[in-house]
N, C-alpha and C. Protein backbone atom coordinates (compact mmCIF):
# COMPACT_ATOMS: atom_id res chain seq x y z
N MET A 1 41.18 -8.02 -32.93
CA MET A 1 39.95 -8.65 -32.76
C MET A 1 39.63 -8.26 -31.10
N GLU A 2 40.68 -8.17 -30.47
CA GLU A 2 40.39 -7.92 -28.85
C GLU A 2 39.46 -6.73 -28.67
N LEU A 3 40.10 -5.66 -29.52
CA LEU A 3 39.53 -4.03 -29.74
C LEU A 3 38.32 -4.18 -30.02
N LYS A 4 37.99 -4.91 -30.75
CA LYS A 4 36.60 -4.82 -31.18
C LYS A 4 35.67 -5.31 -30.11
N LEU A 5 35.93 -6.74 -29.77
CA LEU A 5 35.34 -7.33 -28.81
C LEU A 5 34.93 -6.30 -27.49
N ALA A 6 36.20 -5.93 -27.02
CA ALA A 6 36.54 -4.48 -25.88
C ALA A 6 34.97 -3.67 -26.20
N VAL A 7 35.11 -2.86 -27.33
CA VAL A 7 34.21 -1.94 -27.70
C VAL A 7 32.56 -2.46 -27.60
N LEU A 8 32.60 -3.10 -28.54
CA LEU A 8 31.55 -4.03 -28.25
C LEU A 8 31.02 -4.49 -26.80
N LEU A 9 31.71 -4.79 -26.25
CA LEU A 9 30.93 -5.19 -24.55
C LEU A 9 30.94 -3.89 -24.22
N LEU A 10 31.66 -2.95 -23.77
CA LEU A 10 31.44 -1.35 -23.36
C LEU A 10 30.08 -1.01 -23.87
N ALA A 11 29.77 -1.07 -25.24
CA ALA A 11 28.51 -0.56 -25.95
C ALA A 11 27.59 -1.43 -25.15
N SER A 12 27.67 -2.54 -25.33
CA SER A 12 26.38 -3.36 -24.37
C SER A 12 26.11 -3.01 -23.07
N VAL A 13 27.00 -2.98 -22.42
CA VAL A 13 26.63 -2.32 -21.16
C VAL A 13 26.23 -0.87 -20.99
N THR A 14 26.71 -0.05 -21.64
CA THR A 14 26.04 1.39 -21.80
C THR A 14 24.85 1.48 -22.00
N THR A 15 24.52 0.30 -23.25
CA THR A 15 22.83 0.70 -23.70
C THR A 15 22.03 -0.15 -22.62
N LEU A 16 22.63 -1.42 -21.85
CA LEU A 16 21.74 -1.83 -20.82
C LEU A 16 21.91 -0.83 -19.64
N LEU A 17 22.63 -0.09 -19.37
CA LEU A 17 22.58 0.59 -18.40
C LEU A 17 21.55 1.94 -18.52
N HIS A 18 21.39 2.41 -19.65
CA HIS A 18 20.67 3.49 -20.35
C HIS A 18 19.01 2.80 -20.24
N ILE A 19 18.80 1.52 -20.57
CA ILE A 19 17.62 0.99 -20.73
C ILE A 19 17.28 0.73 -19.14
N SER A 20 18.01 0.37 -18.09
CA SER A 20 17.48 0.22 -16.70
C SER A 20 17.09 1.45 -16.02
N THR A 21 17.46 2.36 -16.76
CA THR A 21 17.27 3.77 -15.60
C THR A 21 15.79 4.21 -16.44
N ALA A 22 15.53 3.51 -17.62
CA ALA A 22 14.40 4.19 -18.20
C ALA A 22 13.06 3.36 -17.82
N ILE A 23 13.26 2.14 -17.20
CA ILE A 23 12.29 1.50 -16.67
C ILE A 23 11.55 1.99 -15.06
N PRO A 24 10.66 2.32 -15.31
CA PRO A 24 10.29 2.96 -13.89
C PRO A 24 10.31 1.79 -12.65
N ASN A 25 10.51 2.43 -11.44
CA ASN A 25 10.13 1.52 -10.43
C ASN A 25 8.83 1.30 -10.41
N THR A 26 8.59 0.08 -10.16
CA THR A 26 7.19 -0.19 -9.68
C THR A 26 7.04 -1.05 -7.89
N GLN A 27 5.97 -0.50 -7.38
CA GLN A 27 5.76 -0.62 -6.24
C GLN A 27 4.71 -1.53 -6.17
N VAL A 28 5.15 -2.58 -4.77
CA VAL A 28 4.14 -3.65 -4.75
C VAL A 28 3.32 -2.98 -3.75
N VAL A 29 1.64 -2.87 -4.33
CA VAL A 29 0.81 -2.64 -3.44
C VAL A 29 0.02 -3.54 -2.53
N ASN A 30 -0.30 -3.51 -1.27
CA ASN A 30 -1.18 -4.45 -0.77
C ASN A 30 -2.59 -3.94 -0.86
N CYS A 31 -3.59 -4.49 -1.17
CA CYS A 31 -5.04 -3.89 -1.10
C CYS A 31 -6.00 -4.67 -0.30
N CYS A 32 -6.85 -4.61 0.60
CA CYS A 32 -7.73 -5.20 0.71
C CYS A 32 -8.80 -5.56 -0.38
N THR A 33 -9.36 -6.75 -0.13
CA THR A 33 -9.86 -7.27 -1.33
C THR A 33 -11.33 -7.34 -0.86
N GLN A 34 -11.43 -7.42 0.69
CA GLN A 34 -13.23 -7.48 0.92
C GLN A 34 -12.93 -6.71 2.18
N VAL A 35 -14.14 -6.68 2.62
CA VAL A 35 -14.20 -5.99 4.08
C VAL A 35 -14.91 -6.52 4.83
N ALA A 36 -14.85 -6.65 6.15
CA ALA A 36 -15.79 -7.28 7.22
C ALA A 36 -17.09 -6.05 7.04
N ASN A 37 -18.25 -6.36 7.00
CA ASN A 37 -19.44 -5.67 7.28
C ASN A 37 -19.80 -5.77 8.62
N LYS A 38 -19.83 -6.80 9.28
CA LYS A 38 -19.93 -7.15 10.86
C LYS A 38 -18.68 -7.06 11.53
N MET A 39 -18.68 -6.55 12.76
CA MET A 39 -17.37 -6.43 13.80
C MET A 39 -17.52 -6.45 15.02
N ASN A 40 -16.87 -6.82 15.79
CA ASN A 40 -16.80 -6.54 17.18
C ASN A 40 -16.34 -5.18 17.63
N PRO A 41 -17.43 -4.14 17.95
CA PRO A 41 -16.60 -2.42 18.34
C PRO A 41 -15.23 -2.74 19.37
N ARG A 42 -15.33 -4.06 20.14
CA ARG A 42 -14.28 -4.11 20.87
C ARG A 42 -12.91 -3.83 20.45
N ILE A 43 -12.75 -4.21 19.23
CA ILE A 43 -11.76 -4.39 18.06
C ILE A 43 -10.85 -3.22 18.35
N LEU A 44 -11.96 -1.73 18.48
CA LEU A 44 -11.71 -0.46 17.89
C LEU A 44 -10.68 -0.13 19.14
N LYS A 45 -11.09 -1.20 20.41
CA LYS A 45 -10.31 -0.55 21.43
C LYS A 45 -8.79 -0.62 21.73
N ILE A 46 -8.14 -1.95 20.70
CA ILE A 46 -7.07 -2.01 21.18
C ILE A 46 -6.55 -1.73 19.83
N ALA A 47 -7.02 -0.94 18.83
CA ALA A 47 -6.46 -0.57 17.82
C ALA A 47 -5.36 0.46 17.81
N LYS A 48 -4.59 0.14 17.27
CA LYS A 48 -3.04 1.54 17.53
C LYS A 48 -3.23 2.57 16.29
N GLY A 49 -3.70 2.23 15.12
CA GLY A 49 -4.03 3.21 13.72
C GLY A 49 -5.25 2.52 13.02
N PHE A 50 -5.34 3.82 11.76
CA PHE A 50 -5.87 3.43 10.64
C PHE A 50 -5.11 4.10 9.59
N GLU A 51 -6.15 3.47 8.34
CA GLU A 51 -5.47 3.98 7.08
C GLU A 51 -6.86 3.61 6.23
N ILE A 52 -7.22 4.62 5.30
CA ILE A 52 -8.13 4.75 4.44
C ILE A 52 -7.73 4.54 3.26
N GLN A 53 -8.16 3.05 2.74
CA GLN A 53 -7.96 2.64 1.42
C GLN A 53 -9.19 3.22 0.45
N ARG A 54 -8.62 3.98 -0.61
CA ARG A 54 -9.46 4.55 -1.61
C ARG A 54 -9.74 3.56 -2.86
N ASP A 55 -10.49 3.88 -3.31
CA ASP A 55 -10.50 2.54 -4.48
C ASP A 55 -10.08 2.84 -5.61
N HIS A 56 -9.64 4.44 -6.15
CA HIS A 56 -8.77 4.79 -7.46
C HIS A 56 -7.46 3.80 -7.42
N ILE A 57 -6.70 3.37 -6.32
CA ILE A 57 -5.58 2.43 -6.39
C ILE A 57 -5.97 0.99 -6.19
N CYS A 58 -6.74 1.01 -5.69
CA CYS A 58 -7.39 -0.51 -4.98
C CYS A 58 -8.57 -0.42 -5.22
N ALA A 59 -9.44 -1.61 -5.59
CA ALA A 59 -10.59 -2.22 -6.19
C ALA A 59 -11.90 -1.52 -5.08
N ILE A 60 -11.43 -1.62 -3.88
CA ILE A 60 -12.52 -1.25 -3.04
C ILE A 60 -12.18 -0.56 -2.34
N LYS A 61 -13.36 0.48 -1.52
CA LYS A 61 -12.73 1.33 -0.48
C LYS A 61 -12.76 0.58 0.88
N ALA A 62 -11.79 0.79 2.02
CA ALA A 62 -12.00 0.07 3.02
C ALA A 62 -10.96 1.04 4.44
N VAL A 63 -11.54 0.59 5.51
CA VAL A 63 -10.88 1.31 6.62
C VAL A 63 -9.86 0.09 7.00
N ILE A 64 -8.61 0.67 7.04
CA ILE A 64 -7.57 -0.64 7.59
C ILE A 64 -7.16 -0.28 8.70
N VAL A 65 -7.73 -1.09 9.78
CA VAL A 65 -7.18 -0.95 11.10
C VAL A 65 -6.16 -1.78 11.49
N HIS A 66 -5.27 -1.32 12.37
CA HIS A 66 -4.21 -2.01 12.57
C HIS A 66 -3.94 -2.17 14.11
N THR A 67 -3.74 -3.38 14.71
CA THR A 67 -3.55 -3.60 15.92
C THR A 67 -2.48 -4.26 16.07
N LEU A 68 -1.57 -4.67 17.35
CA LEU A 68 -0.49 -4.78 17.38
C LEU A 68 -0.33 -6.01 16.85
N LYS A 69 -0.90 -7.39 16.17
CA LYS A 69 -0.90 -8.31 15.82
C LYS A 69 -1.42 -8.33 14.19
N ARG A 70 -2.44 -7.44 13.89
CA ARG A 70 -2.67 -7.82 12.43
C ARG A 70 -3.31 -6.39 12.22
N ALA A 71 -3.79 -6.65 10.72
CA ALA A 71 -4.35 -5.45 10.20
C ALA A 71 -5.90 -5.80 9.60
N LEU A 72 -6.88 -5.12 9.93
CA LEU A 72 -8.02 -5.76 9.37
C LEU A 72 -8.84 -4.62 8.40
N CYS A 73 -9.44 -5.17 7.79
CA CYS A 73 -10.13 -4.52 6.48
C CYS A 73 -11.72 -4.15 6.77
N LEU A 74 -12.28 -2.77 7.15
CA LEU A 74 -13.42 -2.84 7.43
C LEU A 74 -14.15 -1.96 6.76
N ASN A 75 -15.54 -2.18 6.95
CA ASN A 75 -16.40 -1.67 6.00
C ASN A 75 -16.51 0.15 6.19
N PRO A 76 -15.90 1.19 5.31
CA PRO A 76 -15.96 2.50 5.87
C PRO A 76 -17.47 3.01 6.08
N SER A 77 -18.49 2.47 5.53
CA SER A 77 -19.68 2.60 5.86
C SER A 77 -20.17 2.06 7.39
N ASN A 78 -19.45 1.35 7.80
CA ASN A 78 -19.95 1.25 9.67
C ASN A 78 -19.95 2.21 10.32
N LYS A 79 -20.99 2.40 10.87
CA LYS A 79 -21.32 3.58 12.10
C LYS A 79 -20.46 3.32 13.06
N HIS A 80 -20.00 2.27 13.64
CA HIS A 80 -19.02 2.23 14.61
C HIS A 80 -17.58 2.94 14.08
N VAL A 81 -17.18 2.24 13.00
CA VAL A 81 -15.97 2.41 12.56
C VAL A 81 -15.75 4.17 12.13
N GLN A 82 -16.96 4.73 11.63
CA GLN A 82 -17.03 6.25 11.31
C GLN A 82 -16.77 6.89 12.96
N LYS A 83 -17.68 6.56 13.73
CA LYS A 83 -17.40 7.30 14.87
C LYS A 83 -16.10 7.53 15.56
N TRP A 84 -15.28 6.10 15.45
CA TRP A 84 -14.40 5.46 16.10
C TRP A 84 -13.24 6.53 15.16
N MET A 85 -13.13 6.87 14.27
CA MET A 85 -12.32 7.54 13.41
C MET A 85 -12.41 8.88 13.84
N LYS A 86 -13.65 9.62 13.92
CA LYS A 86 -14.06 10.98 14.10
C LYS A 86 -13.45 11.18 15.47
N LYS A 87 -13.31 10.25 16.39
CA LYS A 87 -12.73 10.84 17.90
C LYS A 87 -11.46 10.17 17.79
N ASN A 88 -10.87 9.50 17.16
CA ASN A 88 -9.39 9.18 16.87
C ASN A 88 -8.53 9.89 15.72
N PRO A 89 -8.74 11.07 15.20
CA PRO A 89 -8.01 11.47 14.07
C PRO A 89 -6.62 11.54 14.19
N GLY A 90 -6.18 11.40 15.14
CA GLY A 90 -4.56 11.32 15.48
C GLY A 90 -3.99 9.71 15.07
N LYS A 91 -4.72 8.87 15.43
CA LYS A 91 -4.47 7.58 15.01
C LYS A 91 -4.53 7.27 13.42
N GLN A 92 -4.66 8.07 12.49
CA GLN A 92 -4.36 8.04 11.01
C GLN A 92 -3.21 7.88 10.75
N VAL A 93 -3.02 6.84 10.05
CA VAL A 93 -1.22 6.86 9.05
C VAL A 93 -2.06 7.29 7.90
N HIS A 94 -0.99 8.26 7.29
CA HIS A 94 -1.04 8.47 5.99
C HIS A 94 -0.78 7.47 5.10
N SER A 95 -0.95 6.98 4.10
CA SER A 95 -0.65 5.96 3.32
C SER A 95 -0.58 6.20 2.01
N ARG A 96 -0.24 5.22 1.46
CA ARG A 96 0.26 5.16 -0.62
C ARG A 96 -1.06 4.72 -1.07
N ARG A 97 -2.30 4.62 -0.43
CA ARG A 97 -3.38 4.19 -1.13
C ARG A 97 -4.39 5.19 -1.52
């Protein structure tokens, strides 16, 4: 009886291990849900970097500007943002978005 229980337990554990490896790893993706259409251009002077959010993973397009304290979701059509990105291509952080 103990041998049957041990075999059953071993078979159950093996099955669970196979199932758990078949489940894909999921990633949590943080997305901007809205963008600021108006902004103070001085914010770009303190920006440490930026990344471009595309709408194939997240619902909207955005430029995420990182400062020391926070990240701001800006409208990629904003002329100040476009000009700043062209002047600062080295600050672009390549992201998963």
